[in-house]
Amino acid sequence: MLVTTQESILAAERFLEDWCRRANASGIRALQSMAKTLLTYRSGLRTKLLRSYRQRRRGTQRG
C-alpha cells in the first residue's frame, strides 16, 4: 500500500475498522480471530503508515 497523504492513513484506518466489523458480524470464527489480531496490532500498523508517510514526504521535499 502506498501512503501518500494523511488522508490515505485515515482511509486505511477506516478500511481496517470496517473490515473487522464485517468480519465479526459474519459469524466465521477464522475471520473473527483475524479481526481480533488486526485490531490488537492497530497502533503498530498506524505507526508504520505514519513513518512511511513521513519518509516519503521528506524525500519529496529534498528532491
C-alpha atoms as a PDB file:
ATOM      1  CA  MET A   1       0.000   0.000   0.000  1.00  0.00           C
ATOM      2  CA  LEU A   2       1.347   3.379  -0.989  1.00  0.00           C
ATOM      3  CA  VAL A   3       0.703   6.008   1.645  1.00  0.00           C
ATOM      4  CA  THR A   4       0.906   9.415   0.046  1.00  0.00           C
ATOM      5  CA  THR A   5      -1.232  11.621   2.288  1.00  0.00           C
ATOM      6  CA  GLN A   6      -2.590  11.832   5.777  1.00  0.00           C
ATOM      7  CA  GLU A   7      -5.983  11.194   4.190  1.00  0.00           C
ATOM      8  CA  SER A   8      -4.606   7.854   2.970  1.00  0.00           C
ATOM      9  CA  ILE A   9      -3.769   6.929   6.540  1.00  0.00           C
ATOM     10  CA  LEU A  10      -7.266   7.814   7.712  1.00  0.00           C
ATOM     11  CA  ALA A  11      -8.765   5.841   4.826  1.00  0.00           C
ATOM     12  CA  ALA A  12      -6.649   2.816   5.755  1.00  0.00           C
ATOM     13  CA  GLU A  13      -7.795   3.060   9.370  1.00  0.00           C
ATOM     14  CA  ARG A  14     -11.453   3.300   8.316  1.00  0.00           C
ATOM     15  CA  PHE A  15     -10.992   0.329   5.983  1.00  0.00           C
ATOM     16  CA  LEU A  16      -9.476  -1.770   8.777  1.00  0.00           C
ATOM     17  CA  GLU A  17     -12.239  -0.882  11.214  1.00  0.00           C
ATOM     18  CA  ASP A  18     -14.943  -1.599   8.617  1.00  0.00           C
ATOM     19  CA  TRP A  19     -13.367  -4.909   7.600  1.00  0.00           C
ATOM     20  CA  CYS A  20     -13.075  -6.015  11.225  1.00  0.00           C
ATOM     21  CA  ARG A  21     -16.680  -5.024  11.933  1.00  0.00           C
ATOM     22  CA  ARG A  22     -17.873  -7.060   8.939  1.00  0.00           C
ATOM     23  CA  ALA A  23     -15.637  -9.986   9.878  1.00  0.00           C
ATOM     24  CA  ASN A  24     -17.078 -10.044  13.385  1.00  0.00           C
ATOM     25  CA  ALA A  25     -20.630  -9.841  12.038  1.00  0.00           C
ATOM     26  CA  SER A  26     -20.005 -12.714   9.609  1.00  0.00           C
ATOM     27  CA  GLY A  27     -20.016 -15.349  12.330  1.00  0.00           C
ATOM     28  CA  ILE A  28     -16.984 -17.032  10.713  1.00  0.00           C
ATOM     29  CA  ARG A  29     -14.574 -17.840  13.524  1.00  0.00           C
ATOM     30  CA  ALA A  30     -11.429 -17.605  11.395  1.00  0.00           C
ATOM     31  CA  LEU A  31     -12.364 -14.101  10.228  1.00  0.00           C
ATOM     32  CA  GLN A  32     -13.313 -13.065  13.750  1.00  0.00           C
ATOM     33  CA  SER A  33      -9.968 -14.287  15.021  1.00  0.00           C
ATOM     34  CA  MET A  34      -8.109 -12.416  12.282  1.00  0.00           C
ATOM     35  CA  ALA A  35     -10.070  -9.248  13.043  1.00  0.00           C
ATOM     36  CA  LYS A  36      -9.166  -9.535  16.721  1.00  0.00           C
ATOM     37  CA  THR A  37      -5.487  -9.954  15.815  1.00  0.00           C
ATOM     38  CA  LEU A  38      -5.507  -6.992  13.434  1.00  0.00           C
ATOM     39  CA  LEU A  39      -7.177  -4.752  15.993  1.00  0.00           C
ATOM     40  CA  THR A  40      -4.549  -5.805  18.538  1.00  0.00           C
ATOM     41  CA  TYR A  41      -1.849  -4.550  16.146  1.00  0.00           C
ATOM     42  CA  ARG A  42      -3.774  -1.435  15.071  1.00  0.00           C
ATOM     43  CA  SER A  43      -1.473   1.067  16.800  1.00  0.00           C
ATOM     44  CA  GLY A  44       1.630  -0.592  15.335  1.00  0.00           C
ATOM     45  CA  LEU A  45       0.097  -0.581  11.870  1.00  0.00           C
ATOM     46  CA  ARG A  46      -0.769   3.093  12.224  1.00  0.00           C
ATOM     47  CA  THR A  47       2.789   3.871  13.353  1.00  0.00           C
ATOM     48  CA  LYS A  48       4.176   2.070  10.303  1.00  0.00           C
ATOM     49  CA  LEU A  49       1.874   4.012   7.988  1.00  0.00           C
ATOM     50  CA  LEU A  50       2.856   7.320   9.599  1.00  0.00           C
ATOM     51  CA  ARG A  51       6.571   6.524   9.269  1.00  0.00           C
ATOM     52  CA  SER A  52       6.104   5.606   5.630  1.00  0.00           C
ATOM     53  CA  TYR A  53       4.202   8.827   5.012  1.00  0.00           C
ATOM     54  CA  ARG A  54       6.844  10.959   6.757  1.00  0.00           C
ATOM     55  CA  GLN A  55       9.717   9.286   4.897  1.00  0.00           C
ATOM     56  CA  ARG A  56       8.015   9.863   1.537  1.00  0.00           C
ATOM     57  CA  ARG A  57       7.278  13.466   2.474  1.00  0.00           C
ATOM     58  CA  ARG A  58      10.896  14.124   3.438  1.00  0.00           C
ATOM     59  CA  GLY A  59      12.088  12.548   0.203  1.00  0.00           C
ATOM     60  CA  THR A  60       9.730  14.753  -1.797  1.00  0.00           C
ATOM     61  CA  GLN A  61      10.886  17.916  -0.048  1.00  0.00           C
ATOM     62  CA  ARG A  62      14.552  17.136  -0.710  1.00  0.00           C
ATOM     63  CA  GLY A  63      14.111  16.308  -4.374  1.00  0.00           C
END
